[in-house]
Structures are given as C-alpha cells and as structure tokens.
Amino acid sequence: MSLHIAVDWRRGDFALKCQVDLETDGVTALFGRSGCGKTSLLRVVAGLERVPGTRVRFRGVDWQSDRDFVRPEQRCIGLVFQEHSLLPHLDVKHNLLYGWRRMPAGQRRVALKSVLELLEIGNLLERRIHQLSGGQRQRVALGRALLRSPDLLLLDEPLAALDTQAKREILPFLDRLARESEVPMLLVTHAPDEVQRLADRVVFMSDGRVDEICSLQKAMTRADSPLFADDGPASILHGMLSSVDEYESQVFETGGGVQLFLQMTGSSPVSSRVRIKARDVSLALDDPAKISIRNHLPVVIERLHELPGQRVLASVRLNDGQVLMSEITSWSAQQLQLSPGMQVWALIKSAALV
C-alpha cells in the first residue's frame, strides 16, 4: 500500500513539481534545505493547500483528484507542526481529548491510557500549557494527534523550535512512537541527525523537485550523501541497548550478534540505533591484542572511494550484514594494500547513540 502524490504547483517564483509513490510503513523523511518544497508537499498531502491538477491517493483512496477533494479533517491524519498549537486555556488532559471527544465512538481506536504510557505524560494531565517545557508541549501535541486514531501522521519540523536540551528530550519519544505505534509517519526536516535517528527511508528534495528516494541504509553508504554535509560521512547501525557491563559501559547488540561498548550517556533504553563517524573508525589487518580501543570487529571491505585531500572512504560489511564506513588516509590504504574482498578489522574509537 502506498501514498501517491502528483503535483505541479506554481506560486510566484516558487514551483513544486513532482510525482512520487511512497511506502506507507515506518518513517519517511522529506529532507532538504529550507525553501526546497518539503513543507509545501506535506501541506498538499494534508489537504491544507488545494492545488488544481493535483492527485493524492492514500492506500487506494483518492484524497484529491480532478473530481474529488477530501477535506483535511476527513483524511484521518494527525498533524504536528513546529509550534505546538495547543489551547492555552485548557489543561493537558482537555487538550489531549479535544479532538478525541469530537470523534464518533466507533472511530476511536487509540485509548488515552496507551498514549499517556507511550509518551510518559500521565503526570502532566492537570498542568496548563504555560507550565510545560518545550519538549513536554511537543509530546502533548503528539499525543493529541495520536488520539485522532490517524492512518498517517504528518510531522512538519516538530523539533525545529526546540533548544538542544528539549530536542534531546523528545527524540527518544519520537523514536519510540515510530517503532511502537505502527502509525506511518511523514517527517519534514532539514536536520541530518533527525533523519539518521528516525527515518526508514529518505526523500531528498531541492528546488521544488524530488531528487531521489532511497532507504536510510542506502543513503548512508553514499560518499556524497547530503546527510553528510554538516559532519562528514557516518554509519548507522541498528540494534538495541542490552545491558551495562562491569566497567559501566552500555552494551549495544545487533540482531546478528555484533556487540559495541559505549560510554554511559543516560540514553533511553528504547534506543535502537547507534551513529559512528567514519573518521572514528580505523582499519587493521590483524586483531590487535593490546590496544586501548575496546571495539574491534571483523569486517570485509566492499569498496573504496577516493575523497579530496588524500583521503579514502572504505565501506566494510559486518558479520550481521550491516555496513560500516571508515575514513582513512590514502597513505594508510596504500600501506595496508587494501582492496575489495579483503577481511580486516574495524577499530571503533567512539560511537554515539542517536
């Protein structure tokens, strides 16, 4: 089942022209610089912009065509914007239930209790909106959207208005929401870290057009990926925090038995991804016995890519099939005589949960 969008929209100097089919499971990120058309595309999907000649079809139902136009409130969607749009004269509980109480009883598929548990906001029910932090307000806004029992959740840069601390607070809940609610999400963002933490697939946009649609895993294996523009190449490994060892390191395990030891960060136990910068991964021909770097994993080189400045980006595959990136000097690559197919060891200096 998919979301089909075909739009050709011109407004002043701006033009949005694309035709895409998106899978309706997991999290799809609309990614690009400010002004590239991400929010405009989301507003078309939501029905907030009625553009002539547009076609929006969700899971076999026409939301907009030459003959049909389903109003936003009838599209069974949940909307969360940069600003929370909560009602200041109501407390948290009445904000959460504002739309829910206006729905026919037979359409209420999501219970208040489950939302309170998922977002951990049960202790906030009697508070007024001005008494909440930025992260708490966005959690309440997410809860209100979920209580509409949406078939699709639309998030328009929900973290953009938050400071660093508030963003760090709410990201684990968005991750948990994506994994546990089973509601597909369309996320607008220009922040690579949000894509790396939350997305299953990425729609790269520029100048009102869709440049590429691919899985996050594929996007992270491209040396020239737009996701690397701010901080250089990196890898995302999927797994789960499993325990804390005797050295107070967090143990991150993948489904294929690969283990990483991470510094304690106080991260949520629902964290399911770890981000590793390519420049923090070295390669060795043998497993070093005496070394301060704790994480060393057997890998197979898949390909080598020349970078500017006498650097080489190596894509290596772990035993569980996931891909890790390593950025080394051209001199090192020549000294080790690296080539695709070689079995080597990846030495990971540091890794961070995302």
Foldseek 3Di string as FASTA:
>chain_A
DWKWKADWDDDVPATAGETDTGDFWFEEEEADDPPQCQVVRLCVQLLVDDHPQMWIADPRRTCDHNPHHPHNVRQQEFEAEQDLPFDQVAFLQCSLCVVLVVDPPVQQPDDLVVLCVLLVCPVRRGHGPVVDALLSSLSSSVSSRVRSVGLEYEYHPNCPNDDPVSSLVNLVSLQSCRPPVRRYYYHYDHQLVSCLQGPQKYFYTGRNYTDDIGGPLVLLVDQPRPSQVPPHRKFKDFFFFDDADPVRWTWTAHPQGAIDTAHDDVDDRRQTIKMAHQQQKDKAADDDDDDPQDDKFKWFWAAWDDDPPQKIWTWTAGPVGGIGIHIDGVVVCVVVVDDGGHIIMIGGRHMGGD
